[in-house]
Amino acid sequence: MSDIALSSVGYGLDVILTVLFALAAIMNLAAPDALRRVYRRWDYPRGFYYVTGLSQALTALFLALPQTRIWGGILGALVLFATTVTLLNHRQYLYAVPTILMIIAIVPAMA
């Protein structure tokens, strides 16, 4: 593939990841009751969804700006790694698949 095609793929992945992180941040910051119950059931501290939402919002912001895209990729990989570990720890194997795919997509998005 040419460099132009690879950069187009990377840009497309970057936009998709930015949108997904922004949507996840909105969901966690809005904290509907169903989400709060999941956090409680998994023994996370009260209000931890706000920490998660803030880290996802920062990731989306960093990914959206070319100057900070590398930091967005690093933070996003950490957030997704923690999410994947949590899902696998609670035997939510099918839910872990998209997070693993997102981790894989971060690498070409940084190109």
C-alpha atoms as a PDB file:
ATOM      1  CA  MET A   1       0.000   0.000   0.000  1.00  0.00           C
ATOM      2  CA  SER A   2       1.117   3.502  -0.596  1.00  0.00           C
ATOM      3  CA  ASP A   3       1.849   6.001   2.142  1.00  0.00           C
ATOM      4  CA  ILE A   4      -1.226   8.012   1.160  1.00  0.00           C
ATOM      5  CA  ALA A   5      -3.518   4.997   1.548  1.00  0.00           C
ATOM      6  CA  LEU A   6      -1.988   4.106   4.922  1.00  0.00           C
ATOM      7  CA  SER A   7      -2.360   7.649   6.221  1.00  0.00           C
ATOM      8  CA  SER A   8      -5.999   7.666   5.055  1.00  0.00           C
ATOM      9  CA  VAL A   9      -6.666   4.462   6.967  1.00  0.00           C
ATOM     10  CA  GLY A  10      -4.921   5.869  10.032  1.00  0.00           C
ATOM     11  CA  TYR A  11      -6.946   9.078   9.841  1.00  0.00           C
ATOM     12  CA  GLY A  12     -10.183   7.123   9.440  1.00  0.00           C
ATOM     13  CA  LEU A  13      -9.376   4.972  12.462  1.00  0.00           C
ATOM     14  CA  ASP A  14      -8.440   8.062  14.432  1.00  0.00           C
ATOM     15  CA  VAL A  15     -11.823   9.663  13.731  1.00  0.00           C
ATOM     16  CA  ILE A  16     -13.688   6.457  14.607  1.00  0.00           C
ATOM     17  CA  LEU A  17     -11.754   6.030  17.860  1.00  0.00           C
ATOM     18  CA  THR A  18     -12.303   9.677  18.782  1.00  0.00           C
ATOM     19  CA  VAL A  19     -16.054   9.333  18.288  1.00  0.00           C
ATOM     20  CA  LEU A  20     -16.217   6.042  20.214  1.00  0.00           C
ATOM     21  CA  PHE A  21     -14.276   7.460  23.153  1.00  0.00           C
ATOM     22  CA  ALA A  22     -16.445  10.600  23.142  1.00  0.00           C
ATOM     23  CA  LEU A  23     -19.650   8.526  23.157  1.00  0.00           C
ATOM     24  CA  ALA A  24     -18.320   6.329  25.968  1.00  0.00           C
ATOM     25  CA  ALA A  25     -17.372   9.449  27.938  1.00  0.00           C
ATOM     26  CA  ILE A  26     -20.856  10.903  27.531  1.00  0.00           C
ATOM     27  CA  MET A  27     -22.383   7.618  28.693  1.00  0.00           C
ATOM     28  CA  ASN A  28     -20.163   7.414  31.786  1.00  0.00           C
ATOM     29  CA  LEU A  29     -20.536  11.079  32.694  1.00  0.00           C
ATOM     30  CA  ALA A  30     -24.326  10.886  32.304  1.00  0.00           C
ATOM     31  CA  ALA A  31     -24.216   7.767  34.535  1.00  0.00           C
ATOM     32  CA  PRO A  32     -27.629   6.199  33.932  1.00  0.00           C
ATOM     33  CA  ASP A  33     -28.923   3.882  36.664  1.00  0.00           C
ATOM     34  CA  ALA A  34     -28.071   0.720  34.720  1.00  0.00           C
ATOM     35  CA  LEU A  35     -24.443   1.809  34.465  1.00  0.00           C
ATOM     36  CA  ARG A  36     -24.301   2.687  38.165  1.00  0.00           C
ATOM     37  CA  ARG A  37     -25.634  -0.768  39.043  1.00  0.00           C
ATOM     38  CA  VAL A  38     -22.915  -2.444  36.963  1.00  0.00           C
ATOM     39  CA  TYR A  39     -20.194  -0.422  38.693  1.00  0.00           C
ATOM     40  CA  ARG A  40     -21.718  -1.267  42.094  1.00  0.00           C
ATOM     41  CA  ARG A  41     -22.055  -4.965  41.256  1.00  0.00           C
ATOM     42  CA  TRP A  42     -18.394  -5.057  40.231  1.00  0.00           C
ATOM     43  CA  ASP A  43     -17.356  -3.365  43.509  1.00  0.00           C
ATOM     44  CA  TYR A  44     -16.016  -0.139  42.053  1.00  0.00           C
ATOM     45  CA  PRO A  45     -15.986   2.902  44.350  1.00  0.00           C
ATOM     46  CA  ARG A  46     -18.946   5.237  44.256  1.00  0.00           C
ATOM     47  CA  GLY A  47     -18.590   7.759  41.438  1.00  0.00           C
ATOM     48  CA  PHE A  48     -15.845   5.808  39.655  1.00  0.00           C
ATOM     49  CA  TYR A  49     -17.832   6.139  36.433  1.00  0.00           C
ATOM     50  CA  TYR A  50     -16.956   9.841  36.505  1.00  0.00           C
ATOM     51  CA  VAL A  51     -13.237   8.998  36.598  1.00  0.00           C
ATOM     52  CA  THR A  52     -13.766   6.610  33.695  1.00  0.00           C
ATOM     53  CA  GLY A  53     -15.792   9.188  31.763  1.00  0.00           C
ATOM     54  CA  LEU A  54     -13.197  11.904  32.326  1.00  0.00           C
ATOM     55  CA  SER A  55     -10.360   9.671  31.138  1.00  0.00           C
ATOM     56  CA  GLN A  56     -12.386   8.747  28.052  1.00  0.00           C
ATOM     57  CA  ALA A  57     -13.179  12.406  27.362  1.00  0.00           C
ATOM     58  CA  LEU A  58      -9.499  13.332  27.655  1.00  0.00           C
ATOM     59  CA  THR A  59      -8.626  10.479  25.310  1.00  0.00           C
ATOM     60  CA  ALA A  60     -11.157  11.725  22.745  1.00  0.00           C
ATOM     61  CA  LEU A  61      -9.832  15.272  23.059  1.00  0.00           C
ATOM     62  CA  PHE A  62      -6.199  14.191  22.709  1.00  0.00           C
ATOM     63  CA  LEU A  63      -6.989  11.969  19.711  1.00  0.00           C
ATOM     64  CA  ALA A  64      -8.831  14.818  18.004  1.00  0.00           C
ATOM     65  CA  LEU A  65      -5.822  17.141  18.089  1.00  0.00           C
ATOM     66  CA  PRO A  66      -2.827  16.207  15.923  1.00  0.00           C
ATOM     67  CA  GLN A  67      -0.368  17.720  18.424  1.00  0.00           C
ATOM     68  CA  THR A  68      -1.565  15.444  21.245  1.00  0.00           C
ATOM     69  CA  ARG A  69      -2.624  12.378  19.245  1.00  0.00           C
ATOM     70  CA  ILE A  70       0.225  10.248  20.595  1.00  0.00           C
ATOM     71  CA  TRP A  71      -0.870  11.014  24.183  1.00  0.00           C
ATOM     72  CA  GLY A  72      -4.426  10.162  23.231  1.00  0.00           C
ATOM     73  CA  GLY A  73      -3.223   6.837  21.899  1.00  0.00           C
ATOM     74  CA  ILE A  74      -1.288   6.092  25.076  1.00  0.00           C
ATOM     75  CA  LEU A  75      -4.145   7.099  27.377  1.00  0.00           C
ATOM     76  CA  GLY A  76      -6.659   5.283  25.192  1.00  0.00           C
ATOM     77  CA  ALA A  77      -4.606   2.100  25.268  1.00  0.00           C
ATOM     78  CA  LEU A  78      -4.431   2.283  29.078  1.00  0.00           C
ATOM     79  CA  VAL A  79      -8.185   2.881  29.379  1.00  0.00           C
ATOM     80  CA  LEU A  80      -8.966   0.042  26.986  1.00  0.00           C
ATOM     81  CA  PHE A  81      -6.518  -2.294  28.710  1.00  0.00           C
ATOM     82  CA  ALA A  82      -8.178  -1.649  32.081  1.00  0.00           C
ATOM     83  CA  THR A  83     -11.597  -2.125  30.495  1.00  0.00           C
ATOM     84  CA  THR A  84     -10.540  -5.398  28.890  1.00  0.00           C
ATOM     85  CA  VAL A  85      -9.075  -6.727  32.136  1.00  0.00           C
ATOM     86  CA  THR A  86     -12.263  -5.796  33.995  1.00  0.00           C
ATOM     87  CA  LEU A  87     -14.498  -7.473  31.424  1.00  0.00           C
ATOM     88  CA  LEU A  88     -12.405 -10.633  31.329  1.00  0.00           C
ATOM     89  CA  ASN A  89     -12.236 -10.712  35.134  1.00  0.00           C
ATOM     90  CA  HIS A  90     -16.050 -10.677  35.242  1.00  0.00           C
ATOM     91  CA  ARG A  91     -16.335 -13.320  32.505  1.00  0.00           C
ATOM     92  CA  GLN A  92     -17.796 -10.909  29.954  1.00  0.00           C
ATOM     93  CA  TYR A  93     -15.786 -12.435  27.113  1.00  0.00           C
ATOM     94  CA  LEU A  94     -17.922 -11.263  24.202  1.00  0.00           C
ATOM     95  CA  TYR A  95     -17.959  -7.697  25.505  1.00  0.00           C
ATOM     96  CA  ALA A  96     -14.166  -7.767  25.704  1.00  0.00           C
ATOM     97  CA  VAL A  97     -13.765  -8.446  21.968  1.00  0.00           C
ATOM     98  CA  PRO A  98     -14.563  -4.862  20.814  1.00  0.00           C
ATOM     99  CA  THR A  99     -12.166  -3.389  23.367  1.00  0.00           C
ATOM    100  CA  ILE A 100      -9.396  -5.684  22.166  1.00  0.00           C
ATOM    101  CA  LEU A 101     -10.107  -4.657  18.563  1.00  0.00           C
ATOM    102  CA  MET A 102      -9.969  -0.992  19.599  1.00  0.00           C
ATOM    103  CA  ILE A 103      -6.576  -1.542  21.216  1.00  0.00           C
ATOM    104  CA  ILE A 104      -5.347  -3.059  17.968  1.00  0.00           C
ATOM    105  CA  ALA A 105      -6.802  -0.104  15.992  1.00  0.00           C
ATOM    106  CA  ILE A 106      -4.899   2.453  18.074  1.00  0.00           C
ATOM    107  CA  VAL A 107      -1.542   1.547  16.509  1.00  0.00           C
ATOM    108  CA  PRO A 108      -2.427   2.407  12.874  1.00  0.00           C
ATOM    109  CA  ALA A 109      -4.420   5.421  14.057  1.00  0.00           C
ATOM    110  CA  MET A 110      -1.200   6.906  15.442  1.00  0.00           C
ATOM    111  CA  ALA A 111       0.548   6.617  12.054  1.00  0.00           C
END
